[in-house]
Amino acid sequence: MAFENLADRLQNTFRKIRGKGKVTEADVKEMAREVRLALLEADVNFKVVKDFINKVKERAVGQEVLKSLTPGQQVIKVVQEELTALMGGEQSKIQWAEKPPTVIMLVGLQGAGKTTTTGKLANYARKHFNKKPLLVAADVYRPAAIKQLETLGKQLGIPVFSLGEQADPVDIAKQGVEAAKADHHDVVFIDTAGRLHVDDEMMAELVKIKEAVSPHEILLVVDAMTGQDAVNVAESFNQTLDLTGVVLTKLDADTRGGAALSVKAVTGKSIKFAATGEKLDALEPFYPDRMASRILGMGDVLTLIEKAQAAVDAEKAKEMEQKMRTLSFTFDDFLDQLAQVRKMGPLEDLLSMLPGAGRIKGLKNIKIDEKQIARVEAIIRSMTPEEKANPDIINASRKRRIAKGSGTSIQDVNRLIKQFNDMKKMMKQMMGMTKGKKKKNPFNLPFM
């Protein structure tokens, strides 16, 4: 997860102050020192850290905290609010043109993931805003850049406009927008060329493209793993092009987080999206308040609910709830639920969104083995319909056959059957406890 080390440091710091009935100026000073060190270690811009700490200290020794009934909690609330403000305060949305097409220009250095992000954004616009996108391949310098965008377009079923590697990028951008108007596309994503470093030639070309197509959005794609360098790159691009926003890539890695925490304060431009994985749907709007909550160990239930609502079939969820109440769910149902949960993203990421997950013993550094999940699926698929519906009939010879068919061991089969039966027993106990009190699944999650 992104910000893992920073989150650990800050959560340890706040553990000391959380339950205090009285907070002194000395306590605030000590907390501020720890937070300052944690942020600097996370590669946050020095000036940004200095301003942030001054704001927190000023508020934390003020009346709203010291006279509060829960001063320890109030200090944490102050840090959360200031962290949210540091990252932009509110979610920054795409500005759609009143008269289509909306023209969105993607810029950035080579290697930041610009071409892939172009495809992801087009996919996001189609899926969440019902837009009809067109991709424009204006990177004629990087070998196979056009081919890469065409491959992405094919995978997504989104058309790509290209004039080949010999054409002028400014002409490609202009003709791409004209083609979008002619074919009634309501959004155009222009993938521009990058270099290994910021240079005058590249910037001059980007300025010409900007003047030729008057984009509604100029989004800078930066690699979150480059830390402070990402902020310097953002500053350079912003001075020349006047960016409208930033897309952070590789935010799913264990990055130090400095770029995400510094870019808004340094450039004045908000992070609009964050790429959270390699898949073409692994792109999320960036919510400063939710990110601040995750960093401080408060979870991110809203994102978890949104992921569940997007991945879970409401009818199936209702059906499953009924089966759980009557204890009639089978291995087929288990397989179905597993598939729906996996659609929501990596399981450790989902766990990190639960409030206080970092403080639960055994959950903190959990790594879900995807191979183990694949083994479970293979075992269930090797069962007959009768065996899936009634595991009690699975005797020794059946176990041998299932193990052989799934490429696993008899011990693996035994373990899965035991876990399934234990789950049923637990459900029976829960149903007993809630008898007469029909409880609703609050998040409509498939594993609740």
Protein backbone atom coordinates (compact mmCIF):
# COMPACT_ATOMS: atom_id res chain seq x y z
CA MET A 1 0.00 0.00 0.00
CA ALA A 2 1.12 3.54 -0.68
CA PHE A 3 2.36 5.56 2.32
CA GLU A 4 2.89 2.36 4.34
CA ASN A 5 5.98 3.55 6.22
CA LEU A 6 4.59 7.05 6.75
CA ALA A 7 1.29 5.60 7.99
CA ASP A 8 3.13 3.35 10.48
CA ARG A 9 5.20 6.25 11.81
CA LEU A 10 2.24 8.60 12.21
CA GLN A 11 -0.04 5.98 13.75
CA ASN A 12 2.64 5.09 16.33
CA THR A 13 3.03 8.78 17.16
CA PHE A 14 -0.70 9.32 17.62
CA ARG A 15 -1.12 6.18 19.72
CA LYS A 16 0.74 8.00 22.51
CA ILE A 17 -1.52 11.05 22.40
CA ARG A 18 -4.89 9.52 21.42
CA GLY A 19 -6.27 8.65 24.85
CA LYS A 20 -4.84 11.58 26.82
CA GLY A 21 -7.35 13.44 28.99
CA LYS A 22 -5.04 16.43 29.07
CA VAL A 23 -2.68 17.59 26.33
CA THR A 24 0.08 20.08 27.16
CA GLU A 25 2.09 22.30 24.84
CA ALA A 26 5.04 19.99 25.48
CA ASP A 27 2.96 17.01 24.22
CA VAL A 28 2.05 18.95 21.05
CA LYS A 29 5.70 19.95 20.54
CA GLU A 30 6.86 16.33 20.85
CA MET A 31 4.09 15.12 18.50
CA ALA A 32 4.94 17.84 15.95
CA ARG A 33 8.63 16.82 16.02
CA GLU A 34 7.72 13.18 15.31
CA VAL A 35 5.31 14.14 12.51
CA ARG A 36 7.94 16.45 10.98
CA LEU A 37 10.53 13.65 10.92
CA ALA A 38 8.00 11.18 9.46
CA LEU A 39 7.08 13.57 6.63
CA LEU A 40 10.69 14.41 5.78
CA GLU A 41 11.50 10.69 5.74
CA ALA A 42 8.56 10.22 3.33
CA ASP A 43 10.35 12.66 0.96
CA VAL A 44 7.84 15.48 1.40
CA ASN A 45 9.17 18.87 0.28
CA PHE A 46 11.00 20.60 3.17
CA LYS A 47 9.12 23.91 2.85
CA VAL A 48 5.80 22.06 2.65
CA VAL A 49 6.65 20.19 5.88
CA LYS A 50 7.62 23.42 7.65
CA ASP A 51 4.35 25.19 6.72
CA PHE A 52 2.29 22.10 7.59
CA ILE A 53 3.86 21.70 11.05
CA ASN A 54 3.41 25.41 11.84
CA LYS A 55 -0.30 25.22 10.98
CA VAL A 56 -0.80 22.05 13.05
CA LYS A 57 1.05 23.47 16.08
CA GLU A 58 -0.87 26.73 15.90
CA ARG A 59 -4.22 24.94 15.91
CA ALA A 60 -3.20 22.15 18.32
CA VAL A 61 -2.29 24.56 21.14
CA GLY A 62 -5.40 26.67 20.52
CA GLN A 63 -8.66 26.73 22.46
CA GLU A 64 -10.42 24.16 20.20
CA VAL A 65 -8.01 21.46 21.44
CA LEU A 66 -6.88 22.31 24.94
CA LYS A 67 -10.42 22.99 26.22
CA SER A 68 -11.89 19.98 24.41
CA LEU A 69 -13.29 17.00 26.35
CA THR A 70 -11.06 14.70 24.27
CA PRO A 71 -7.96 16.78 23.52
CA GLY A 72 -5.94 13.77 22.27
CA GLN A 73 -8.59 13.01 19.64
CA GLN A 74 -8.86 16.71 18.73
CA VAL A 75 -5.13 16.89 17.96
CA ILE A 76 -5.49 13.96 15.55
CA LYS A 77 -8.55 15.63 13.99
CA VAL A 78 -6.48 18.79 13.42
CA VAL A 79 -3.71 16.75 11.71
CA GLN A 80 -6.28 14.96 9.54
CA GLU A 81 -7.88 18.25 8.43
CA GLU A 82 -4.51 19.86 7.67
CA LEU A 83 -3.34 16.73 5.79
CA THR A 84 -6.54 16.84 3.72
CA ALA A 85 -5.99 20.55 2.96
CA LEU A 86 -2.36 19.85 2.03
CA MET A 87 -3.48 17.38 -0.66
CA GLY A 88 -6.06 19.76 -2.12
CA GLY A 89 -8.99 19.68 0.29
CA GLU A 90 -11.72 18.47 -2.06
CA GLN A 91 -11.72 16.02 -4.93
CA SER A 92 -10.78 17.80 -8.19
CA LYS A 93 -12.98 16.63 -11.07
CA ILE A 94 -12.52 16.64 -14.84
CA GLN A 95 -13.98 19.77 -16.43
CA TRP A 96 -16.12 18.55 -19.32
CA ALA A 97 -16.61 20.92 -22.25
CA GLU A 98 -20.07 22.47 -22.67
CA LYS A 99 -19.75 21.81 -26.38
CA PRO A 100 -18.08 18.41 -27.09
CA PRO A 101 -15.53 17.15 -27.65
CA THR A 102 -13.63 17.71 -24.39
CA VAL A 103 -9.92 17.72 -25.29
CA ILE A 104 -7.60 16.22 -22.66
CA MET A 105 -3.85 16.40 -23.22
CA LEU A 106 -1.59 13.97 -21.32
CA VAL A 107 1.97 15.14 -20.67
CA GLY A 108 4.93 13.86 -18.66
CA LEU A 109 8.35 12.26 -18.71
CA GLN A 110 9.10 8.97 -20.45
CA GLY A 111 8.58 6.00 -18.14
CA ALA A 112 5.91 7.60 -15.94
CA GLY A 113 3.17 5.42 -17.48
CA LYS A 114 1.63 8.13 -19.68
CA THR A 115 0.42 5.93 -22.55
CA THR A 116 -1.15 3.35 -20.21
CA THR A 117 -2.75 6.16 -18.19
CA THR A 118 -4.23 7.60 -21.42
CA GLY A 119 -6.00 4.26 -21.99
CA LYS A 120 -7.10 4.01 -18.34
CA LEU A 121 -8.58 7.52 -18.38
CA ALA A 122 -10.49 6.83 -21.60
CA ASN A 123 -11.84 3.63 -20.06
CA TYR A 124 -12.82 5.54 -16.90
CA ALA A 125 -14.60 8.29 -18.90
CA ARG A 126 -16.60 5.69 -20.83
CA LYS A 127 -17.46 3.58 -17.79
CA HIS A 128 -18.33 6.33 -15.28
CA PHE A 129 -19.53 9.19 -17.51
CA ASN A 130 -20.91 7.28 -20.48
CA LYS A 131 -18.52 9.15 -22.82
CA LYS A 132 -17.48 8.07 -26.31
CA PRO A 133 -13.67 8.51 -26.25
CA LEU A 134 -11.07 8.75 -29.01
CA LEU A 135 -7.36 8.14 -28.33
CA VAL A 136 -4.86 10.22 -30.31
CA ALA A 137 -1.32 8.84 -30.77
CA ALA A 138 0.89 11.96 -30.89
CA ASP A 139 4.09 10.39 -29.50
CA VAL A 140 6.13 9.82 -32.67
CA TYR A 141 9.53 9.58 -30.96
CA ARG A 142 9.41 6.66 -28.55
CA PRO A 143 9.74 3.38 -30.45
CA ALA A 144 6.45 1.44 -30.39
CA ALA A 145 4.55 4.20 -28.51
CA ILE A 146 1.89 4.33 -31.24
CA LYS A 147 1.70 0.53 -31.34
CA GLN A 148 1.29 0.43 -27.55
CA LEU A 149 -1.63 2.87 -27.66
CA GLU A 150 -3.24 0.92 -30.54
CA THR A 151 -2.91 -2.30 -28.53
CA LEU A 152 -4.54 -0.63 -25.51
CA GLY A 153 -7.31 0.73 -27.75
CA LYS A 154 -7.94 -2.76 -29.11
CA GLN A 155 -8.10 -4.26 -25.60
CA LEU A 156 -10.57 -1.61 -24.49
CA GLY A 157 -12.56 -1.41 -27.72
CA ILE A 158 -11.72 2.31 -28.06
CA PRO A 159 -10.62 3.73 -31.46
CA VAL A 160 -7.13 5.23 -31.90
CA PHE A 161 -6.32 8.07 -34.31
CA SER A 162 -2.80 7.92 -35.78
CA LEU A 163 -0.90 9.36 -38.75
CA GLY A 164 2.19 7.20 -38.18
CA GLU A 165 5.69 7.98 -36.89
CA GLN A 166 6.67 10.38 -39.71
CA ALA A 167 3.88 12.91 -39.11
CA ASP A 168 4.21 16.13 -37.12
CA PRO A 169 2.72 15.76 -33.57
CA VAL A 170 0.95 19.13 -33.85
CA ASP A 171 -0.78 17.99 -37.08
CA ILE A 172 -1.70 14.67 -35.46
CA ALA A 173 -3.32 16.45 -32.49
CA LYS A 174 -5.22 18.90 -34.73
CA GLN A 175 -6.48 16.23 -37.13
CA GLY A 176 -7.31 13.94 -34.20
CA VAL A 177 -9.65 16.56 -32.72
CA GLU A 178 -11.23 17.15 -36.14
CA ALA A 179 -11.76 13.39 -36.56
CA ALA A 180 -13.41 13.28 -33.12
CA LYS A 181 -15.86 16.03 -34.17
CA ALA A 182 -16.66 14.27 -37.42
CA ASP A 183 -17.30 10.91 -35.71
CA HIS A 184 -19.19 12.45 -32.76
CA HIS A 185 -16.71 11.47 -30.05
CA ASP A 186 -17.34 13.57 -26.96
CA VAL A 187 -13.86 13.29 -25.42
CA VAL A 188 -10.36 13.16 -26.96
CA PHE A 189 -7.28 11.94 -25.08
CA ILE A 190 -4.00 13.06 -26.67
CA ASP A 191 -0.95 10.96 -25.74
CA THR A 192 2.06 13.27 -26.20
CA ALA A 193 5.77 12.49 -26.29
CA GLY A 194 7.96 12.47 -23.20
CA ARG A 195 11.71 12.51 -22.65
CA LEU A 196 13.93 11.07 -19.95
CA HIS A 197 14.29 14.59 -18.55
CA VAL A 198 12.65 18.00 -18.99
CA ASP A 199 14.10 19.79 -22.04
CA ASP A 200 13.34 22.92 -24.08
CA GLU A 201 12.61 21.04 -27.32
CA MET A 202 9.94 18.85 -25.73
CA MET A 203 8.33 21.80 -23.93
CA ALA A 204 8.25 23.90 -27.13
CA GLU A 205 6.42 21.10 -28.95
CA LEU A 206 3.89 20.69 -26.12
CA VAL A 207 3.22 24.43 -26.16
CA LYS A 208 2.53 24.23 -29.94
CA ILE A 209 0.09 21.34 -29.42
CA LYS A 210 -1.63 23.30 -26.64
CA GLU A 211 -1.99 26.35 -28.92
CA ALA A 212 -3.27 24.19 -31.79
CA VAL A 213 -6.04 22.30 -29.95
CA SER A 214 -6.83 24.50 -26.88
CA PRO A 215 -7.24 21.56 -24.48
CA HIS A 216 -9.81 21.76 -21.68
CA GLU A 217 -7.51 19.72 -19.45
CA ILE A 218 -3.72 19.33 -19.40
CA LEU A 219 -2.93 16.46 -17.06
CA LEU A 220 0.62 15.71 -15.95
CA VAL A 221 1.33 12.02 -15.40
CA VAL A 222 3.99 11.49 -12.72
CA ASP A 223 5.45 8.38 -11.15
CA ALA A 224 4.79 8.51 -7.38
CA MET A 225 7.87 6.36 -6.76
CA THR A 226 10.20 9.14 -7.91
CA GLY A 227 9.34 11.10 -4.76
CA GLN A 228 10.67 14.66 -4.64
CA ASP A 229 11.78 14.49 -8.30
CA ALA A 230 8.12 14.12 -9.27
CA VAL A 231 7.36 17.46 -7.60
CA ASN A 232 10.25 19.18 -9.42
CA VAL A 233 8.96 17.77 -12.72
CA ALA A 234 5.44 18.99 -11.90
CA GLU A 235 6.76 22.49 -11.18
CA SER A 236 8.64 22.62 -14.52
CA PHE A 237 5.66 21.45 -16.58
CA ASN A 238 3.28 23.76 -14.73
CA GLN A 239 5.42 26.85 -15.36
CA THR A 240 5.40 26.16 -19.11
CA LEU A 241 1.95 24.70 -19.73
CA ASP A 242 -0.23 25.85 -16.80
CA LEU A 243 -1.46 22.36 -15.90
CA THR A 244 -5.04 21.68 -14.83
CA GLY A 245 -4.19 18.63 -12.73
CA VAL A 246 -1.95 15.69 -11.98
CA VAL A 247 -2.31 11.90 -12.30
CA LEU A 248 -0.09 9.89 -9.95
CA THR A 249 0.97 6.43 -11.16
CA LYS A 250 2.36 3.53 -9.10
CA LEU A 251 0.59 4.74 -5.98
CA ASP A 252 -0.09 1.08 -5.15
CA ALA A 253 3.61 0.47 -4.47
CA ASP A 254 5.18 0.99 -1.05
CA THR A 255 6.17 4.52 -2.02
CA ARG A 256 7.29 7.14 0.43
CA GLY A 257 4.37 9.32 -0.59
CA GLY A 258 6.27 12.61 -0.84
CA ALA A 259 4.92 13.45 -4.31
CA ALA A 260 1.26 13.06 -3.32
CA LEU A 261 1.74 15.20 -0.23
CA SER A 262 3.82 17.94 -1.90
CA VAL A 263 2.52 18.43 -5.44
CA LYS A 264 -0.56 20.55 -4.61
CA ALA A 265 1.33 22.83 -2.21
CA VAL A 266 4.22 23.37 -4.66
CA THR A 267 2.29 23.75 -7.94
CA GLY A 268 -1.18 24.76 -6.79
CA LYS A 269 -2.55 21.99 -9.04
CA SER A 270 -4.60 19.14 -7.61
CA ILE A 271 -4.09 15.42 -8.04
CA LYS A 272 -7.15 14.31 -10.02
CA PHE A 273 -6.47 10.58 -10.33
CA ALA A 274 -4.24 7.89 -8.91
CA ALA A 275 -3.31 4.68 -10.72
CA THR A 276 -3.42 1.83 -8.23
CA GLY A 277 -2.28 -1.16 -10.29
CA GLU A 278 -1.47 -2.47 -13.74
CA LYS A 279 -4.96 -3.49 -14.86
CA LEU A 280 -6.79 -1.12 -17.20
CA ASP A 281 -9.49 -0.39 -14.62
CA ALA A 282 -6.94 0.29 -11.82
CA LEU A 283 -7.48 4.05 -11.80
CA GLU A 284 -9.32 5.95 -9.06
CA PRO A 285 -10.34 9.56 -8.49
CA PHE A 286 -8.06 11.08 -5.84
CA TYR A 287 -9.93 12.06 -2.66
CA PRO A 288 -7.65 14.04 -0.28
CA ASP A 289 -9.89 13.42 2.76
CA ARG A 290 -10.02 9.66 2.16
CA MET A 291 -6.26 9.47 1.62
CA ALA A 292 -5.63 11.44 4.83
CA SER A 293 -7.87 9.00 6.73
CA ARG A 294 -6.00 6.01 5.34
CA ILE A 295 -2.61 7.50 6.22
CA LEU A 296 -3.80 8.07 9.80
CA GLY A 297 -5.20 4.54 10.14
CA MET A 298 -8.85 5.62 10.08
CA GLY A 299 -9.66 3.49 7.06
CA ASP A 300 -11.50 4.45 3.88
CA VAL A 301 -14.96 2.95 4.14
CA LEU A 302 -16.45 5.16 1.40
CA THR A 303 -14.05 3.83 -1.25
CA LEU A 304 -14.62 0.29 0.03
CA ILE A 305 -18.41 0.73 -0.35
CA GLU A 306 -17.99 2.18 -3.87
CA LYS A 307 -15.78 -0.74 -4.90
CA ALA A 308 -18.33 -3.20 -3.50
CA GLN A 309 -21.25 -1.52 -5.25
CA ALA A 310 -19.37 -1.58 -8.58
CA ALA A 311 -18.30 -5.22 -8.25
CA VAL A 312 -21.23 -6.89 -6.50
CA ASP A 313 -24.36 -8.07 -8.22
CA ALA A 314 -27.18 -6.77 -5.97
CA GLU A 315 -29.52 -9.66 -6.82
CA LYS A 316 -26.82 -12.23 -6.10
CA ALA A 317 -25.98 -10.47 -2.82
CA LYS A 318 -29.65 -10.69 -1.74
CA GLU A 319 -29.77 -14.35 -2.72
CA MET A 320 -26.55 -15.03 -0.82
CA GLU A 321 -27.85 -13.30 2.31
CA GLN A 322 -30.89 -15.58 2.25
CA LYS A 323 -28.69 -18.67 1.80
CA MET A 324 -26.51 -17.60 4.73
CA ARG A 325 -29.58 -17.13 6.93
CA THR A 326 -30.82 -20.62 6.08
CA LEU A 327 -27.27 -22.08 6.04
CA SER A 328 -27.95 -23.47 2.56
CA PHE A 329 -24.93 -21.96 0.78
CA THR A 330 -22.67 -24.32 -1.12
CA PHE A 331 -19.13 -24.44 -2.51
CA ASP A 332 -20.54 -22.98 -5.75
CA ASP A 333 -21.77 -19.95 -3.78
CA PHE A 334 -18.37 -19.71 -2.08
CA LEU A 335 -16.67 -19.65 -5.49
CA ASP A 336 -19.07 -16.99 -6.73
CA GLN A 337 -18.42 -14.78 -3.67
CA LEU A 338 -14.67 -15.19 -4.08
CA ALA A 339 -14.90 -14.00 -7.69
CA GLN A 340 -16.93 -10.92 -6.69
CA VAL A 341 -14.51 -9.95 -3.91
CA ARG A 342 -11.51 -10.34 -6.25
CA LYS A 343 -13.19 -7.97 -8.73
CA MET A 344 -12.88 -5.26 -6.06
CA GLY A 345 -9.07 -5.33 -6.21
CA PRO A 346 -6.15 -6.85 -4.27
CA LEU A 347 -7.43 -8.20 -0.94
CA GLU A 348 -4.71 -6.58 1.17
CA ASP A 349 -5.73 -3.20 -0.30
CA LEU A 350 -9.34 -3.83 0.74
CA LEU A 351 -8.22 -4.76 4.26
CA SER A 352 -6.19 -1.54 4.51
CA MET A 353 -9.43 0.42 3.96
CA LEU A 354 -10.99 -0.98 7.14
CA PRO A 355 -10.77 1.51 10.05
CA GLY A 356 -8.10 0.47 12.55
CA ALA A 357 -6.93 -2.45 10.40
CA GLY A 358 -3.31 -1.52 11.15
CA ARG A 359 -3.93 -2.06 14.86
CA ILE A 360 -5.48 -5.53 14.49
CA LYS A 361 -2.95 -8.19 15.33
CA GLY A 362 -2.16 -10.35 12.31
CA LEU A 363 -3.82 -7.98 9.82
CA LYS A 364 -1.14 -5.30 9.76
CA ASN A 365 1.41 -6.94 7.49
CA ILE A 366 -0.88 -9.50 5.91
CA LYS A 367 -0.01 -10.58 2.39
CA ILE A 368 -2.74 -12.45 0.54
CA ASP A 369 -1.26 -15.22 -1.57
CA GLU A 370 -3.09 -15.11 -4.91
CA LYS A 371 -1.71 -18.57 -5.70
CA GLN A 372 -3.46 -19.93 -2.61
CA ILE A 373 -6.75 -18.43 -3.81
CA ALA A 374 -6.18 -20.02 -7.24
CA ARG A 375 -5.62 -23.39 -5.48
CA VAL A 376 -8.92 -23.02 -3.61
CA GLU A 377 -10.72 -22.30 -6.87
CA ALA A 378 -9.05 -25.31 -8.55
CA ILE A 379 -10.12 -27.64 -5.71
CA ILE A 380 -13.76 -26.50 -5.85
CA ARG A 381 -13.85 -26.78 -9.66
CA SER A 382 -12.61 -30.37 -9.38
CA MET A 383 -15.65 -31.36 -7.30
CA THR A 384 -18.83 -32.83 -8.77
CA PRO A 385 -22.08 -30.80 -8.43
CA GLU A 386 -23.17 -33.22 -5.65
CA GLU A 387 -19.90 -32.73 -3.75
CA LYS A 388 -20.14 -28.94 -3.98
CA ALA A 389 -23.69 -29.01 -2.63
CA ASN A 390 -22.98 -31.52 0.12
CA PRO A 391 -19.31 -31.76 1.22
CA ASP A 392 -20.24 -34.45 3.80
CA ILE A 393 -20.23 -37.06 1.02
CA ILE A 394 -16.57 -36.39 0.19
CA ASN A 395 -14.82 -39.54 1.42
CA ALA A 396 -11.15 -40.57 1.13
CA SER A 397 -11.35 -41.79 -2.49
CA ARG A 398 -13.23 -38.66 -3.58
CA LYS A 399 -10.57 -36.50 -1.86
CA ARG A 400 -7.84 -38.34 -3.78
CA ARG A 401 -9.66 -37.67 -7.07
CA ILE A 402 -10.25 -33.97 -6.24
CA ALA A 403 -6.61 -33.48 -5.22
CA LYS A 404 -5.37 -35.13 -8.41
CA GLY A 405 -7.79 -33.13 -10.60
CA SER A 406 -6.80 -29.80 -9.03
CA GLY A 407 -3.05 -30.45 -8.84
CA THR A 408 -3.11 -30.10 -5.04
CA SER A 409 -2.63 -32.42 -2.05
CA ILE A 410 -5.21 -34.30 0.03
CA GLN A 411 -4.17 -32.07 2.95
CA ASP A 412 -5.16 -29.00 0.88
CA VAL A 413 -8.57 -30.55 0.18
CA ASN A 414 -9.05 -31.45 3.86
CA ARG A 415 -8.09 -27.93 4.93
CA LEU A 416 -10.58 -26.29 2.57
CA ILE A 417 -13.45 -28.58 3.64
CA LYS A 418 -12.64 -27.88 7.31
CA GLN A 419 -12.58 -24.10 6.69
CA PHE A 420 -15.91 -24.34 4.86
CA ASN A 421 -17.50 -26.30 7.69
CA ASP A 422 -16.05 -23.93 10.30
CA MET A 423 -17.54 -21.01 8.38
CA LYS A 424 -20.94 -22.71 8.43
CA LYS A 425 -20.67 -23.29 12.19
CA MET A 426 -19.77 -19.64 12.73
CA MET A 427 -22.73 -18.55 10.60
CA LYS A 428 -25.00 -20.81 12.64
CA GLN A 429 -23.79 -19.17 15.85
CA MET A 430 -24.27 -15.70 14.38
CA MET A 431 -27.76 -16.56 13.16
CA GLY A 432 -28.55 -17.79 16.68
CA MET A 433 -27.33 -14.52 18.18
CA THR A 434 -29.35 -12.38 15.76
CA LYS A 435 -32.52 -14.49 15.81
CA GLY A 436 -35.49 -12.22 15.84
CA LYS A 437 -33.25 -9.26 14.92
CA LYS A 438 -33.02 -9.15 11.17
CA LYS A 439 -29.70 -7.40 10.59
CA LYS A 440 -28.89 -5.83 7.27
CA ASN A 441 -25.47 -6.02 5.69
CA PRO A 442 -24.57 -2.28 5.94
CA PHE A 443 -22.10 -2.18 3.05
CA ASN A 444 -23.66 -4.83 0.84
CA LEU A 445 -20.25 -6.52 0.79
CA PRO A 446 -20.16 -10.10 -0.45
CA PHE A 447 -18.12 -11.33 2.52
CA MET A 448 -20.36 -9.84 5.25
